[in-house]
């Protein structure tokens, strides 16, 4: 039967909450949580202890408003990365927050702070995990003005965003459904499994698997930097999904002088075809490619004039 070796308390005299814990190379611990400095100023709170739980230093993270919890991990180089939320705007009834991350050195000095995406009342990162390549994956909750979604954010050692994705369980979509991801780990194929909860009146455990780009459907990263503005042509591509052949037809009077380029889910150029001036129905065979999602573009003089997702069954 275990016995209590020690008990320690940390924080102010108002309200303090512990939320995360990690071991440190010196045998001590790093604790993450939340503290009320005043009724209108809440901040993330970090405490570094020795092996006996004696506080060596503490740090507040955030600004002058009601910030979120500090969820902290000790990194491979004995520093600390903490995630949570940063309040950017506050009234008597509303606090708008952005997703937030910070890195501290071994002495607790802040090396950088980053904020991500737009602000809303519920935005929060719930935990953070360091990956083998030194980058980080952080799950949480994100409100985008239409619904409460689970979010995964991957960022590098400098806090720069690599990608951010939001997720919803299809039957539970809408302003009254709440999706939240609490923890994420990397899988052997380089992707991620994340778990949390989703509810639409009744709460359910929620698990999802994504690839290394955070995509539920392989290839979604191909569309990250494609702007709909400026696409000049309307091309009909059918059937889509297809088992092999695509039929392409320009919907407006246009004599094509460029080429169609097919990209796979890794972004590689896998097939090119020049219509040769024909604006009538074009027979385009992609049957020799593996099943999956592709991006088909039409380019003239290096300029993308049309783009569409294509599913190969």
C-alpha atoms as a PDB file:
ATOM      1  CA  UNK A   1       0.000   0.000   0.000  1.00  0.00           C
ATOM      2  CA  UNK A   2       1.435   3.367  -1.028  1.00  0.00           C
ATOM      3  CA  UNK A   3       2.123   6.178   1.401  1.00  0.00           C
ATOM      4  CA  UNK A   4       2.184   9.922   0.779  1.00  0.00           C
ATOM      5  CA  UNK A   5       5.765  11.158   0.375  1.00  0.00           C
ATOM      6  CA  UNK A   6       4.902  14.841   0.253  1.00  0.00           C
ATOM      7  CA  UNK A   7       2.135  17.319  -0.535  1.00  0.00           C
ATOM      8  CA  UNK A   8       2.717  20.828  -1.825  1.00  0.00           C
ATOM      9  CA  UNK A   9       0.519  23.801  -2.664  1.00  0.00           C
ATOM     10  CA  UNK A  10       1.387  26.570  -5.109  1.00  0.00           C
ATOM     11  CA  UNK A  11      -0.157  29.796  -6.313  1.00  0.00           C
ATOM     12  CA  UNK A  12      -1.902  32.902  -5.099  1.00  0.00           C
ATOM     13  CA  UNK A  13      -4.561  33.374  -2.455  1.00  0.00           C
ATOM     14  CA  UNK A  14      -7.377  33.750  -4.997  1.00  0.00           C
ATOM     15  CA  UNK A  15      -7.995  30.777  -7.291  1.00  0.00           C
ATOM     16  CA  UNK A  16      -5.454  28.420  -8.828  1.00  0.00           C
ATOM     17  CA  UNK A  17      -5.932  25.211 -10.808  1.00  0.00           C
ATOM     18  CA  UNK A  18      -3.472  22.553 -11.954  1.00  0.00           C
ATOM     19  CA  UNK A  19      -4.043  21.083 -15.389  1.00  0.00           C
ATOM     20  CA  UNK A  20      -0.882  19.415 -16.746  1.00  0.00           C
ATOM     21  CA  UNK A  21       2.310  17.805 -15.443  1.00  0.00           C
ATOM     22  CA  UNK A  22       5.586  16.530 -16.904  1.00  0.00           C
ATOM     23  CA  UNK A  23       8.864  15.245 -15.508  1.00  0.00           C
ATOM     24  CA  UNK A  24      12.137  17.133 -16.011  1.00  0.00           C
ATOM     25  CA  UNK A  25      15.687  15.756 -16.512  1.00  0.00           C
ATOM     26  CA  UNK A  26      16.813  16.904 -13.035  1.00  0.00           C
ATOM     27  CA  UNK A  27      14.243  14.631 -11.384  1.00  0.00           C
ATOM     28  CA  UNK A  28      11.815  17.447 -10.749  1.00  0.00           C
ATOM     29  CA  UNK A  29       8.531  18.435 -12.338  1.00  0.00           C
ATOM     30  CA  UNK A  30       6.968  21.138 -14.467  1.00  0.00           C
ATOM     31  CA  UNK A  31       3.332  21.951 -13.632  1.00  0.00           C
ATOM     32  CA  UNK A  32       0.910  23.849 -15.835  1.00  0.00           C
ATOM     33  CA  UNK A  33      -2.384  25.412 -14.859  1.00  0.00           C
ATOM     34  CA  UNK A  34      -4.331  28.581 -14.367  1.00  0.00           C
ATOM     35  CA  UNK A  35      -4.399  31.426 -11.856  1.00  0.00           C
ATOM     36  CA  UNK A  36      -6.666  34.367 -11.099  1.00  0.00           C
ATOM     37  CA  UNK A  37      -4.576  37.482 -10.577  1.00  0.00           C
ATOM     38  CA  UNK A  38      -7.811  39.470 -10.337  1.00  0.00           C
ATOM     39  CA  UNK A  39     -11.461  39.146 -11.292  1.00  0.00           C
ATOM     40  CA  UNK A  40     -10.642  40.353 -14.808  1.00  0.00           C
ATOM     41  CA  UNK A  41      -7.103  39.001 -15.267  1.00  0.00           C
ATOM     42  CA  UNK A  42      -6.637  35.229 -15.506  1.00  0.00           C
ATOM     43  CA  UNK A  43      -3.356  33.803 -16.753  1.00  0.00           C
ATOM     44  CA  UNK A  44      -1.656  30.555 -17.587  1.00  0.00           C
ATOM     45  CA  UNK A  45       0.550  29.482 -14.681  1.00  0.00           C
ATOM     46  CA  UNK A  46       3.743  27.381 -14.695  1.00  0.00           C
ATOM     47  CA  UNK A  47       5.621  26.054 -11.654  1.00  0.00           C
ATOM     48  CA  UNK A  48       9.014  24.296 -11.818  1.00  0.00           C
ATOM     49  CA  UNK A  49       9.840  22.117  -8.809  1.00  0.00           C
ATOM     50  CA  UNK A  50      12.642  19.899  -7.605  1.00  0.00           C
ATOM     51  CA  UNK A  51      12.183  16.187  -6.893  1.00  0.00           C
ATOM     52  CA  UNK A  52      10.715  16.965  -3.459  1.00  0.00           C
ATOM     53  CA  UNK A  53       8.119  19.339  -4.885  1.00  0.00           C
ATOM     54  CA  UNK A  54       9.816  22.528  -3.713  1.00  0.00           C
ATOM     55  CA  UNK A  55       9.085  25.396  -6.101  1.00  0.00           C
ATOM     56  CA  UNK A  56      12.163  26.648  -7.962  1.00  0.00           C
ATOM     57  CA  UNK A  57      10.375  29.239 -10.088  1.00  0.00           C
ATOM     58  CA  UNK A  58       6.950  30.153 -11.413  1.00  0.00           C
ATOM     59  CA  UNK A  59       5.818  32.059 -14.484  1.00  0.00           C
ATOM     60  CA  UNK A  60       2.613  33.722 -15.657  1.00  0.00           C
ATOM     61  CA  UNK A  61       1.696  33.448 -19.328  1.00  0.00           C
ATOM     62  CA  UNK A  62      -0.784  35.735 -21.052  1.00  0.00           C
ATOM     63  CA  UNK A  63      -1.945  39.317 -21.111  1.00  0.00           C
ATOM     64  CA  UNK A  64      -4.247  41.646 -19.169  1.00  0.00           C
ATOM     65  CA  UNK A  65      -7.487  39.715 -19.792  1.00  0.00           C
ATOM     66  CA  UNK A  66      -8.925  36.254 -19.031  1.00  0.00           C
ATOM     67  CA  UNK A  67      -6.447  33.860 -20.641  1.00  0.00           C
ATOM     68  CA  UNK A  68      -6.685  30.065 -20.654  1.00  0.00           C
ATOM     69  CA  UNK A  69      -4.813  27.240 -18.939  1.00  0.00           C
ATOM     70  CA  UNK A  70      -1.119  26.506 -19.486  1.00  0.00           C
ATOM     71  CA  UNK A  71      -0.695  22.960 -20.814  1.00  0.00           C
ATOM     72  CA  UNK A  72       3.020  22.243 -20.698  1.00  0.00           C
ATOM     73  CA  UNK A  73       5.548  19.655 -21.874  1.00  0.00           C
ATOM     74  CA  UNK A  74       9.292  19.353 -21.202  1.00  0.00           C
ATOM     75  CA  UNK A  75      11.130  19.186 -24.536  1.00  0.00           C
ATOM     76  CA  UNK A  76      13.982  16.891 -25.570  1.00  0.00           C
ATOM     77  CA  UNK A  77      16.478  19.743 -25.014  1.00  0.00           C
ATOM     78  CA  UNK A  78      15.190  20.372 -21.459  1.00  0.00           C
ATOM     79  CA  UNK A  79      13.164  23.459 -22.297  1.00  0.00           C
ATOM     80  CA  UNK A  80       9.399  23.924 -22.062  1.00  0.00           C
ATOM     81  CA  UNK A  81       6.559  24.465 -24.512  1.00  0.00           C
ATOM     82  CA  UNK A  82       3.163  25.523 -23.215  1.00  0.00           C
ATOM     83  CA  UNK A  83      -0.114  25.895 -25.113  1.00  0.00           C
ATOM     84  CA  UNK A  84      -3.517  27.327 -24.235  1.00  0.00           C
ATOM     85  CA  UNK A  85      -5.304  30.521 -25.237  1.00  0.00           C
ATOM     86  CA  UNK A  86      -4.573  34.249 -25.218  1.00  0.00           C
ATOM     87  CA  UNK A  87      -7.391  36.743 -24.627  1.00  0.00           C
ATOM     88  CA  UNK A  88      -7.285  39.630 -27.098  1.00  0.00           C
ATOM     89  CA  UNK A  89     -10.555  41.380 -26.247  1.00  0.00           C
ATOM     90  CA  UNK A  90     -12.792  41.532 -23.202  1.00  0.00           C
ATOM     91  CA  UNK A  91     -16.070  43.100 -22.078  1.00  0.00           C
ATOM     92  CA  UNK A  92     -18.267  42.407 -19.050  1.00  0.00           C
ATOM     93  CA  UNK A  93     -19.892  39.470 -20.864  1.00  0.00           C
ATOM     94  CA  UNK A  94     -17.419  38.384 -23.532  1.00  0.00           C
ATOM     95  CA  UNK A  95     -13.779  37.316 -23.759  1.00  0.00           C
ATOM     96  CA  UNK A  96     -12.362  36.599 -27.213  1.00  0.00           C
ATOM     97  CA  UNK A  97      -9.306  34.334 -27.292  1.00  0.00           C
ATOM     98  CA  UNK A  98      -6.804  33.074 -29.848  1.00  0.00           C
ATOM     99  CA  UNK A  99      -4.945  29.769 -29.858  1.00  0.00           C
ATOM    100  CA  UNK A 100      -1.631  30.316 -28.075  1.00  0.00           C
ATOM    101  CA  UNK A 101       1.802  28.700 -27.638  1.00  0.00           C
ATOM    102  CA  UNK A 102       4.972  29.773 -25.816  1.00  0.00           C
ATOM    103  CA  UNK A 103       8.472  28.367 -25.402  1.00  0.00           C
ATOM    104  CA  UNK A 104      10.550  28.897 -22.245  1.00  0.00           C
ATOM    105  CA  UNK A 105      14.169  28.005 -21.540  1.00  0.00           C
ATOM    106  CA  UNK A 106      15.304  25.862 -18.613  1.00  0.00           C
ATOM    107  CA  UNK A 107      15.241  28.903 -16.302  1.00  0.00           C
ATOM    108  CA  UNK A 108      11.676  29.803 -17.242  1.00  0.00           C
ATOM    109  CA  UNK A 109      12.514  32.772 -19.459  1.00  0.00           C
ATOM    110  CA  UNK A 110      10.118  33.164 -22.384  1.00  0.00           C
ATOM    111  CA  UNK A 111      11.893  32.668 -25.721  1.00  0.00           C
ATOM    112  CA  UNK A 112       8.870  33.212 -27.932  1.00  0.00           C
ATOM    113  CA  UNK A 113       5.084  33.500 -27.856  1.00  0.00           C
ATOM    114  CA  UNK A 114       2.720  32.868 -30.756  1.00  0.00           C
ATOM    115  CA  UNK A 115      -0.994  33.369 -31.399  1.00  0.00           C
ATOM    116  CA  UNK A 116      -2.880  31.515 -34.116  1.00  0.00           C
ATOM    117  CA  UNK A 117      -6.081  31.977 -36.141  1.00  0.00           C
ATOM    118  CA  UNK A 118      -8.872  34.411 -35.354  1.00  0.00           C
ATOM    119  CA  UNK A 119     -10.282  35.100 -31.891  1.00  0.00           C
ATOM    120  CA  UNK A 120     -13.503  33.733 -30.407  1.00  0.00           C
ATOM    121  CA  UNK A 121     -14.930  32.938 -26.977  1.00  0.00           C
ATOM    122  CA  UNK A 122     -13.903  29.268 -26.764  1.00  0.00           C
ATOM    123  CA  UNK A 123     -10.616  28.878 -28.639  1.00  0.00           C
ATOM    124  CA  UNK A 124      -8.191  26.764 -26.594  1.00  0.00           C
ATOM    125  CA  UNK A 125      -5.357  24.248 -27.071  1.00  0.00           C
ATOM    126  CA  UNK A 126      -5.763  21.360 -24.617  1.00  0.00           C
ATOM    127  CA  UNK A 127      -2.341  19.661 -24.646  1.00  0.00           C
ATOM    128  CA  UNK A 128       0.906  19.511 -26.594  1.00  0.00           C
ATOM    129  CA  UNK A 129       3.211  16.659 -27.638  1.00  0.00           C
ATOM    130  CA  UNK A 130       6.743  16.943 -29.009  1.00  0.00           C
ATOM    131  CA  UNK A 131       7.361  14.796 -32.087  1.00  0.00           C
ATOM    132  CA  UNK A 132      10.522  12.958 -33.119  1.00  0.00           C
ATOM    133  CA  UNK A 133      11.468  15.692 -35.613  1.00  0.00           C
ATOM    134  CA  UNK A 134      11.256  18.423 -32.962  1.00  0.00           C
ATOM    135  CA  UNK A 135       7.908  19.798 -34.125  1.00  0.00           C
ATOM    136  CA  UNK A 136       4.777  19.798 -31.967  1.00  0.00           C
ATOM    137  CA  UNK A 137       1.162  18.682 -32.271  1.00  0.00           C
ATOM    138  CA  UNK A 138      -1.523  20.392 -30.176  1.00  0.00           C
ATOM    139  CA  UNK A 139      -5.255  19.532 -30.124  1.00  0.00           C
ATOM    140  CA  UNK A 140      -8.076  21.689 -28.811  1.00  0.00           C
ATOM    141  CA  UNK A 141     -11.323  23.475 -29.642  1.00  0.00           C
ATOM    142  CA  UNK A 142     -11.943  26.227 -32.202  1.00  0.00           C
ATOM    143  CA  UNK A 143     -15.015  28.303 -33.043  1.00  0.00           C
ATOM    144  CA  UNK A 144     -15.079  29.716 -36.573  1.00  0.00           C
ATOM    145  CA  UNK A 145     -18.349  31.742 -36.323  1.00  0.00           C
ATOM    146  CA  UNK A 146     -20.430  28.781 -37.548  1.00  0.00           C
ATOM    147  CA  UNK A 147     -19.754  25.904 -35.118  1.00  0.00           C
ATOM    148  CA  UNK A 148     -17.499  24.551 -32.359  1.00  0.00           C
ATOM    149  CA  UNK A 149     -14.901  22.300 -33.961  1.00  0.00           C
ATOM    150  CA  UNK A 150     -12.058  20.109 -32.827  1.00  0.00           C
ATOM    151  CA  UNK A 151      -8.707  21.490 -33.940  1.00  0.00           C
ATOM    152  CA  UNK A 152      -5.205  20.129 -34.516  1.00  0.00           C
ATOM    153  CA  UNK A 153      -2.294  22.554 -34.806  1.00  0.00           C
ATOM    154  CA  UNK A 154       1.199  21.470 -35.833  1.00  0.00           C
ATOM    155  CA  UNK A 155       3.994  23.989 -35.311  1.00  0.00           C
ATOM    156  CA  UNK A 156       7.786  23.991 -35.502  1.00  0.00           C
ATOM    157  CA  UNK A 157      10.518  24.742 -32.937  1.00  0.00           C
ATOM    158  CA  UNK A 158      10.063  28.478 -33.495  1.00  0.00           C
ATOM    159  CA  UNK A 159       6.307  28.338 -33.004  1.00  0.00           C
ATOM    160  CA  UNK A 160       5.560  28.883 -36.685  1.00  0.00           C
ATOM    161  CA  UNK A 161       2.435  27.081 -37.853  1.00  0.00           C
ATOM    162  CA  UNK A 162       3.016  24.151 -40.223  1.00  0.00           C
ATOM    163  CA  UNK A 163      -0.695  23.420 -40.607  1.00  0.00           C
ATOM    164  CA  UNK A 164      -3.947  23.792 -38.717  1.00  0.00           C
ATOM    165  CA  UNK A 165      -7.082  21.722 -39.363  1.00  0.00           C
ATOM    166  CA  UNK A 166     -10.558  21.706 -37.863  1.00  0.00           C
ATOM    167  CA  UNK A 167     -12.876  18.682 -37.605  1.00  0.00           C
ATOM    168  CA  UNK A 168     -16.516  17.797 -37.027  1.00  0.00           C
ATOM    169  CA  UNK A 169     -18.324  14.480 -36.732  1.00  0.00           C
ATOM    170  CA  UNK A 170     -20.662  14.666 -39.778  1.00  0.00           C
ATOM    171  CA  UNK A 171     -23.993  13.863 -38.024  1.00  0.00           C
ATOM    172  CA  UNK A 172     -23.258  16.507 -35.389  1.00  0.00           C
ATOM    173  CA  UNK A 173     -22.734  19.653 -37.411  1.00  0.00           C
ATOM    174  CA  UNK A 174     -24.172  23.020 -36.455  1.00  0.00           C
ATOM    175  CA  UNK A 175     -23.971  25.898 -34.049  1.00  0.00           C
ATOM    176  CA  UNK A 176     -25.284  23.827 -31.123  1.00  0.00           C
ATOM    177  CA  UNK A 177     -22.867  20.897 -31.528  1.00  0.00           C
ATOM    178  CA  UNK A 178     -19.548  21.042 -29.678  1.00  0.00           C
ATOM    179  CA  UNK A 179     -16.420  19.182 -30.803  1.00  0.00           C
ATOM    180  CA  UNK A 180     -13.290  19.181 -28.654  1.00  0.00           C
ATOM    181  CA  UNK A 181      -9.974  17.315 -28.978  1.00  0.00           C
ATOM    182  CA  UNK A 182      -8.017  16.714 -25.780  1.00  0.00           C
ATOM    183  CA  UNK A 183      -5.002  14.599 -26.744  1.00  0.00           C
ATOM    184  CA  UNK A 184      -3.108  13.598 -29.901  1.00  0.00           C
ATOM    185  CA  UNK A 185      -0.284  11.147 -30.610  1.00  0.00           C
ATOM    186  CA  UNK A 186       1.718  10.363 -33.734  1.00  0.00           C
ATOM    187  CA  UNK A 187       1.248   6.947 -35.348  1.00  0.00           C
ATOM    188  CA  UNK A 188       3.855   4.738 -37.029  1.00  0.00           C
ATOM    189  CA  UNK A 189       2.745   5.872 -40.500  1.00  0.00           C
ATOM    190  CA  UNK A 190       3.491   9.516 -39.635  1.00  0.00           C
ATOM    191  CA  UNK A 191      -0.149  10.438 -39.131  1.00  0.00           C
ATOM    192  CA  UNK A 192      -1.991  11.222 -35.910  1.00  0.00           C
ATOM    193  CA  UNK A 193      -4.735   9.812 -33.724  1.00  0.00           C
ATOM    194  CA  UNK A 194      -6.653  12.327 -31.602  1.00  0.00           C
ATOM    195  CA  UNK A 195      -9.355  11.841 -29.013  1.00  0.00           C
ATOM    196  CA  UNK A 196     -11.849  14.088 -27.295  1.00  0.00           C
ATOM    197  CA  UNK A 197     -15.598  14.506 -27.213  1.00  0.00           C
ATOM    198  CA  UNK A 198     -18.453  15.550 -29.462  1.00  0.00           C
ATOM    199  CA  UNK A 199     -22.001  16.290 -28.463  1.00  0.00           C
ATOM    200  CA  UNK A 200     -25.288  17.444 -29.864  1.00  0.00           C
ATOM    201  CA  UNK A 201     -27.291  17.274 -26.655  1.00  0.00           C
ATOM    202  CA  UNK A 202     -25.637  14.017 -25.558  1.00  0.00           C
ATOM    203  CA  UNK A 203     -21.870  13.789 -25.188  1.00  0.00           C
ATOM    204  CA  UNK A 204     -19.894  11.003 -26.872  1.00  0.00           C
ATOM    205  CA  UNK A 205     -16.260   9.960 -26.838  1.00  0.00           C
ATOM    206  CA  UNK A 206     -14.663  10.931 -30.143  1.00  0.00           C
ATOM    207  CA  UNK A 207     -11.608   9.459 -31.906  1.00  0.00           C
ATOM    208  CA  UNK A 208     -10.244  10.377 -35.319  1.00  0.00           C
ATOM    209  CA  UNK A 209      -7.246   9.342 -37.446  1.00  0.00           C
ATOM    210  CA  UNK A 210      -5.576  11.764 -39.857  1.00  0.00           C
ATOM    211  CA  UNK A 211      -2.491  11.647 -42.068  1.00  0.00           C
ATOM    212  CA  UNK A 212       0.766  13.577 -41.594  1.00  0.00           C
ATOM    213  CA  UNK A 213      -0.841  16.715 -43.049  1.00  0.00           C
ATOM    214  CA  UNK A 214      -3.815  16.491 -40.682  1.00  0.00           C
ATOM    215  CA  UNK A 215      -6.081  15.336 -43.508  1.00  0.00           C
ATOM    216  CA  UNK A 216      -9.029  13.010 -42.943  1.00  0.00           C
ATOM    217  CA  UNK A 217      -9.205  12.698 -46.734  1.00  0.00           C
ATOM    218  CA  UNK A 218      -5.688  12.271 -48.197  1.00  0.00           C
ATOM    219  CA  UNK A 219      -4.659  15.217 -50.337  1.00  0.00           C
ATOM    220  CA  UNK A 220      -6.447  18.030 -48.521  1.00  0.00           C
ATOM    221  CA  UNK A 221      -3.125  19.874 -48.128  1.00  0.00           C
ATOM    222  CA  UNK A 222      -3.073  20.453 -51.876  1.00  0.00           C
ATOM    223  CA  UNK A 223      -5.784  23.067 -51.438  1.00  0.00           C
ATOM    224  CA  UNK A 224      -4.189  25.063 -48.630  1.00  0.00           C
ATOM    225  CA  UNK A 225      -2.783  27.758 -50.911  1.00  0.00           C
ATOM    226  CA  UNK A 226      -5.224  27.656 -53.811  1.00  0.00           C
ATOM    227  CA  UNK A 227      -7.278  30.822 -54.075  1.00  0.00           C
ATOM    228  CA  UNK A 228     -10.614  30.586 -55.803  1.00  0.00           C
ATOM    229  CA  UNK A 229     -10.197  34.169 -56.940  1.00  0.00           C
ATOM    230  CA  UNK A 230      -8.601  34.563 -60.320  1.00  0.00           C
ATOM    231  CA  UNK A 231      -9.512  31.125 -61.713  1.00  0.00           C
ATOM    232  CA  UNK A 232     -10.583  32.219 -65.150  1.00  0.00           C
ATOM    233  CA  UNK A 233     -12.142  29.157 -66.777  1.00  0.00           C
ATOM    234  CA  UNK A 234     -15.108  26.926 -66.112  1.00  0.00           C
ATOM    235  CA  UNK A 235     -14.299  23.320 -66.990  1.00  0.00           C
ATOM    236  CA  UNK A 236     -16.677  20.404 -66.559  1.00  0.00           C
ATOM    237  CA  UNK A 237     -14.939  17.210 -65.333  1.00  0.00           C
ATOM    238  CA  UNK A 238     -17.024  14.039 -65.040  1.00  0.00           C
ATOM    239  CA  UNK A 239     -17.636  11.433 -63.720  1.00  0.00           C
ATOM    240  CA  UNK A 240     -16.116  12.364 -60.378  1.00  0.00           C
ATOM    241  CA  UNK A 241     -15.363  10.041 -58.568  1.00  0.00           C
ATOM    242  CA  UNK A 242     -14.092   8.012 -61.517  1.00  0.00           C
ATOM    243  CA  UNK A 243     -12.780   4.478 -61.990  1.00  0.00           C
ATOM    244  CA  UNK A 244     -10.515   5.518 -64.827  1.00  0.00           C
ATOM    245  CA  UNK A 245     -11.647   7.957 -67.494  1.00  0.00           C
ATOM    246  CA  UNK A 246     -12.482  11.621 -67.033  1.00  0.00           C
ATOM    247  CA  UNK A 247     -14.299  13.646 -69.634  1.00  0.00           C
ATOM    248  CA  UNK A 248     -13.271  17.301 -69.725  1.00  0.00           C
ATOM    249  CA  UNK A 249     -15.122  20.079 -71.459  1.00  0.00           C
ATOM    250  CA  UNK A 250     -14.586  23.840 -71.451  1.00  0.00           C
ATOM    251  CA  UNK A 251     -17.904  25.458 -70.554  1.00  0.00           C
ATOM    252  CA  UNK A 252     -17.078  28.702 -72.337  1.00  0.00           C
ATOM    253  CA  UNK A 253     -15.639  29.506 -75.744  1.00  0.00           C
ATOM    254  CA  UNK A 254     -11.942  28.889 -75.269  1.00  0.00           C
ATOM    255  CA  UNK A 255      -9.224  27.451 -77.450  1.00  0.00           C
ATOM    256  CA  UNK A 256      -6.840  25.770 -74.965  1.00  0.00           C
ATOM    257  CA  UNK A 257      -3.145  26.335 -75.490  1.00  0.00           C
ATOM    258  CA  UNK A 258      -2.004  25.018 -72.116  1.00  0.00           C
ATOM    259  CA  UNK A 259      -2.105  21.646 -70.388  1.00  0.00           C
ATOM    260  CA  UNK A 260      -3.888  19.691 -67.668  1.00  0.00           C
ATOM    261  CA  UNK A 261      -1.647  18.607 -64.775  1.00  0.00           C
ATOM    262  CA  UNK A 262      -2.602  15.892 -62.288  1.00  0.00           C
ATOM    263  CA  UNK A 263      -1.088  16.002 -58.775  1.00  0.00           C
ATOM    264  CA  UNK A 264      -1.255  13.143 -56.261  1.00  0.00           C
ATOM    265  CA  UNK A 265      -1.881  13.516 -52.514  1.00  0.00           C
ATOM    266  CA  UNK A 266       1.835  14.109 -51.876  1.00  0.00           C
ATOM    267  CA  UNK A 267       1.807  17.058 -54.278  1.00  0.00           C
ATOM    268  CA  UNK A 268       3.790  15.269 -56.998  1.00  0.00           C
ATOM    269  CA  UNK A 269       3.081  15.965 -60.670  1.00  0.00           C
ATOM    270  CA  UNK A 270       2.052  12.498 -61.945  1.00  0.00           C
ATOM    271  CA  UNK A 271       0.466  13.170 -65.346  1.00  0.00           C
ATOM    272  CA  UNK A 272       0.255  15.913 -67.954  1.00  0.00           C
ATOM    273  CA  UNK A 273      -1.957  16.271 -70.993  1.00  0.00           C
ATOM    274  CA  UNK A 274      -2.168  19.034 -73.608  1.00  0.00           C
ATOM    275  CA  UNK A 275      -5.586  19.292 -75.322  1.00  0.00           C
ATOM    276  CA  UNK A 276      -3.938  20.665 -78.451  1.00  0.00           C
ATOM    277  CA  UNK A 277      -6.486  23.361 -79.174  1.00  0.00           C
ATOM    278  CA  UNK A 278      -9.585  21.193 -78.767  1.00  0.00           C
ATOM    279  CA  UNK A 279     -12.350  22.811 -76.748  1.00  0.00           C
ATOM    280  CA  UNK A 280     -14.786  19.963 -77.328  1.00  0.00           C
ATOM    281  CA  UNK A 281     -15.123  16.985 -74.970  1.00  0.00           C
ATOM    282  CA  UNK A 282     -11.701  15.630 -74.016  1.00  0.00           C
ATOM    283  CA  UNK A 283     -11.121  11.997 -73.023  1.00  0.00           C
ATOM    284  CA  UNK A 284      -8.590  11.908 -70.144  1.00  0.00           C
ATOM    285  CA  UNK A 285      -7.568   8.492 -68.775  1.00  0.00           C
ATOM    286  CA  UNK A 286      -6.187   8.270 -65.203  1.00  0.00           C
ATOM    287  CA  UNK A 287      -7.053   4.606 -64.671  1.00  0.00           C
ATOM    288  CA  UNK A 288      -3.430   3.529 -64.199  1.00  0.00           C
ATOM    289  CA  UNK A 289      -3.044   5.634 -61.022  1.00  0.00           C
ATOM    290  CA  UNK A 290      -3.754   4.261 -57.495  1.00  0.00           C
ATOM    291  CA  UNK A 291      -7.073   5.017 -55.831  1.00  0.00           C
ATOM    292  CA  UNK A 292      -7.156   8.235 -53.821  1.00  0.00           C
ATOM    293  CA  UNK A 293      -7.598  11.992 -54.047  1.00  0.00           C
ATOM    294  CA  UNK A 294      -5.915  14.015 -56.770  1.00  0.00           C
ATOM    295  CA  UNK A 295      -5.776  17.641 -57.817  1.00  0.00           C
ATOM    296  CA  UNK A 296      -6.338  18.383 -61.498  1.00  0.00           C
ATOM    297  CA  UNK A 297      -5.243  21.788 -62.765  1.00  0.00           C
ATOM    298  CA  UNK A 298      -5.389  23.490 -66.131  1.00  0.00           C
ATOM    299  CA  UNK A 299      -2.465  25.870 -66.703  1.00  0.00           C
ATOM    300  CA  UNK A 300      -1.545  28.269 -69.478  1.00  0.00           C
ATOM    301  CA  UNK A 301       1.871  29.951 -69.489  1.00  0.00           C
ATOM    302  CA  UNK A 302       2.479  28.810 -65.904  1.00  0.00           C
ATOM    303  CA  UNK A 303      -0.759  30.333 -64.657  1.00  0.00           C
ATOM    304  CA  UNK A 304      -3.468  28.217 -62.993  1.00  0.00           C
ATOM    305  CA  UNK A 305      -6.764  28.954 -64.755  1.00  0.00           C
ATOM    306  CA  UNK A 306      -8.851  26.077 -63.376  1.00  0.00           C
ATOM    307  CA  UNK A 307      -8.493  23.581 -60.522  1.00  0.00           C
ATOM    308  CA  UNK A 308     -10.609  20.757 -59.098  1.00  0.00           C
ATOM    309  CA  UNK A 309     -10.400  17.782 -56.741  1.00  0.00           C
ATOM    310  CA  UNK A 310     -10.666  14.391 -58.447  1.00  0.00           C
ATOM    311  CA  UNK A 311     -11.382  11.104 -56.680  1.00  0.00           C
ATOM    312  CA  UNK A 312      -9.959   7.945 -58.296  1.00  0.00           C
ATOM    313  CA  UNK A 313     -11.810   4.826 -57.089  1.00  0.00           C
END
